[in-house]
């Protein structure tokens, strides 16, 4: 935010474009990285929660025997 604010305030004075180039590139890079970091944070958070749920589920319910069907399922259906 500070870089974008500085860019706006500096651009108001109409300096040559070469003075603002670094700030323009920095604002764009920071904006793109913000989305990437949010996605990575959500991905890591969901992965951690799903791993915990898997562990809890494994402790709470015993594993199904091989070939067992869900109670009430129709025999002969996949």
C-alpha atoms as a PDB file:
ATOM      1  CA  UNK A   1       0.000   0.000   0.000  1.00  0.00           C
ATOM      2  CA  UNK A   2       2.801   2.407   0.807  1.00  0.00           C
ATOM      3  CA  UNK A   3       4.403   1.896  -2.589  1.00  0.00           C
ATOM      4  CA  UNK A   4       1.113   2.517  -4.395  1.00  0.00           C
ATOM      5  CA  UNK A   5       0.478   5.638  -2.319  1.00  0.00           C
ATOM      6  CA  UNK A   6       3.965   6.947  -2.992  1.00  0.00           C
ATOM      7  CA  UNK A   7       3.489   6.265  -6.705  1.00  0.00           C
ATOM      8  CA  UNK A   8       0.223   8.197  -6.801  1.00  0.00           C
ATOM      9  CA  UNK A   9       1.657  11.145  -4.901  1.00  0.00           C
ATOM     10  CA  UNK A  10       4.791  11.241  -7.028  1.00  0.00           C
ATOM     11  CA  UNK A  11       2.905  10.884 -10.293  1.00  0.00           C
ATOM     12  CA  UNK A  12       0.763  13.878  -9.386  1.00  0.00           C
ATOM     13  CA  UNK A  13       3.828  16.053  -9.865  1.00  0.00           C
ATOM     14  CA  UNK A  14       4.203  14.762 -13.466  1.00  0.00           C
ATOM     15  CA  UNK A  15       7.865  13.715 -13.321  1.00  0.00           C
ATOM     16  CA  UNK A  16       9.523  11.916 -16.251  1.00  0.00           C
ATOM     17  CA  UNK A  17       8.290   8.355 -16.618  1.00  0.00           C
ATOM     18  CA  UNK A  18      11.715   6.826 -16.045  1.00  0.00           C
ATOM     19  CA  UNK A  19      11.628   8.050 -12.428  1.00  0.00           C
ATOM     20  CA  UNK A  20       8.403   6.128 -11.783  1.00  0.00           C
ATOM     21  CA  UNK A  21       9.244   2.916 -13.633  1.00  0.00           C
ATOM     22  CA  UNK A  22      10.638   1.055 -10.615  1.00  0.00           C
ATOM     23  CA  UNK A  23       7.616   1.981  -8.495  1.00  0.00           C
ATOM     24  CA  UNK A  24       5.206   0.924 -11.255  1.00  0.00           C
ATOM     25  CA  UNK A  25       6.874  -2.474 -11.564  1.00  0.00           C
ATOM     26  CA  UNK A  26       6.950  -2.872  -7.769  1.00  0.00           C
ATOM     27  CA  UNK A  27       3.223  -2.121  -7.442  1.00  0.00           C
ATOM     28  CA  UNK A  28       2.371  -4.645 -10.142  1.00  0.00           C
ATOM     29  CA  UNK A  29       4.630  -7.328  -8.662  1.00  0.00           C
ATOM     30  CA  UNK A  30       3.239  -6.795  -5.160  1.00  0.00           C
ATOM     31  CA  UNK A  31      -0.330  -6.993  -6.458  1.00  0.00           C
ATOM     32  CA  UNK A  32       0.322 -10.298  -8.232  1.00  0.00           C
ATOM     33  CA  UNK A  33       2.242 -11.755  -5.292  1.00  0.00           C
ATOM     34  CA  UNK A  34      -0.624 -10.852  -2.949  1.00  0.00           C
ATOM     35  CA  UNK A  35      -2.961 -13.170  -4.840  1.00  0.00           C
ATOM     36  CA  UNK A  36      -0.347 -15.909  -5.015  1.00  0.00           C
ATOM     37  CA  UNK A  37       0.322 -15.714  -1.278  1.00  0.00           C
ATOM     38  CA  UNK A  38      -3.401 -15.805  -0.457  1.00  0.00           C
ATOM     39  CA  UNK A  39      -3.868 -18.876  -2.635  1.00  0.00           C
ATOM     40  CA  UNK A  40      -0.862 -20.582  -1.041  1.00  0.00           C
ATOM     41  CA  UNK A  41      -2.114 -19.760   2.453  1.00  0.00           C
ATOM     42  CA  UNK A  42      -5.558 -21.213   1.741  1.00  0.00           C
ATOM     43  CA  UNK A  43      -4.087 -24.286   0.092  1.00  0.00           C
ATOM     44  CA  UNK A  44      -1.819 -24.972   3.063  1.00  0.00           C
ATOM     45  CA  UNK A  45      -4.628 -24.335   5.555  1.00  0.00           C
ATOM     46  CA  UNK A  46      -7.063 -26.652   3.792  1.00  0.00           C
ATOM     47  CA  UNK A  47      -4.394 -29.327   3.453  1.00  0.00           C
ATOM     48  CA  UNK A  48      -3.629 -29.184   7.181  1.00  0.00           C
ATOM     49  CA  UNK A  49      -7.297 -29.369   8.183  1.00  0.00           C
ATOM     50  CA  UNK A  50      -8.061 -32.236   5.821  1.00  0.00           C
ATOM     51  CA  UNK A  51      -5.068 -34.185   7.155  1.00  0.00           C
ATOM     52  CA  UNK A  52      -6.307 -33.662  10.729  1.00  0.00           C
ATOM     53  CA  UNK A  53      -9.818 -34.770   9.779  1.00  0.00           C
ATOM     54  CA  UNK A  54      -8.388 -37.889   8.137  1.00  0.00           C
ATOM     55  CA  UNK A  55      -6.454 -38.753  11.308  1.00  0.00           C
ATOM     56  CA  UNK A  56      -9.507 -38.194  13.532  1.00  0.00           C
ATOM     57  CA  UNK A  57     -11.699 -40.268  11.224  1.00  0.00           C
ATOM     58  CA  UNK A  58      -9.163 -43.113  11.281  1.00  0.00           C
ATOM     59  CA  UNK A  59      -9.145 -43.101  15.094  1.00  0.00           C
ATOM     60  CA  UNK A  60     -12.924 -42.864  15.502  1.00  0.00           C
ATOM     61  CA  UNK A  61     -14.153 -45.436  13.010  1.00  0.00           C
ATOM     62  CA  UNK A  62     -12.475 -48.795  12.453  1.00  0.00           C
ATOM     63  CA  UNK A  63     -11.422 -49.719   8.919  1.00  0.00           C
ATOM     64  CA  UNK A  64     -13.973 -51.579   6.792  1.00  0.00           C
ATOM     65  CA  UNK A  65     -13.205 -55.219   6.036  1.00  0.00           C
ATOM     66  CA  UNK A  66     -12.359 -56.072   2.433  1.00  0.00           C
ATOM     67  CA  UNK A  67     -15.459 -56.543   0.290  1.00  0.00           C
ATOM     68  CA  UNK A  68     -17.806 -55.042   2.873  1.00  0.00           C
ATOM     69  CA  UNK A  69     -20.734 -52.942   1.649  1.00  0.00           C
ATOM     70  CA  UNK A  70     -22.486 -50.005   3.207  1.00  0.00           C
ATOM     71  CA  UNK A  71     -25.401 -51.181   5.380  1.00  0.00           C
ATOM     72  CA  UNK A  72     -28.641 -51.147   3.386  1.00  0.00           C
ATOM     73  CA  UNK A  73     -26.958 -51.091  -0.006  1.00  0.00           C
ATOM     74  CA  UNK A  74     -28.493 -53.138  -2.777  1.00  0.00           C
ATOM     75  CA  UNK A  75     -26.511 -56.307  -3.556  1.00  0.00           C
ATOM     76  CA  UNK A  76     -25.223 -56.564  -7.082  1.00  0.00           C
ATOM     77  CA  UNK A  77     -24.763 -52.805  -7.583  1.00  0.00           C
ATOM     78  CA  UNK A  78     -21.317 -51.229  -7.705  1.00  0.00           C
END
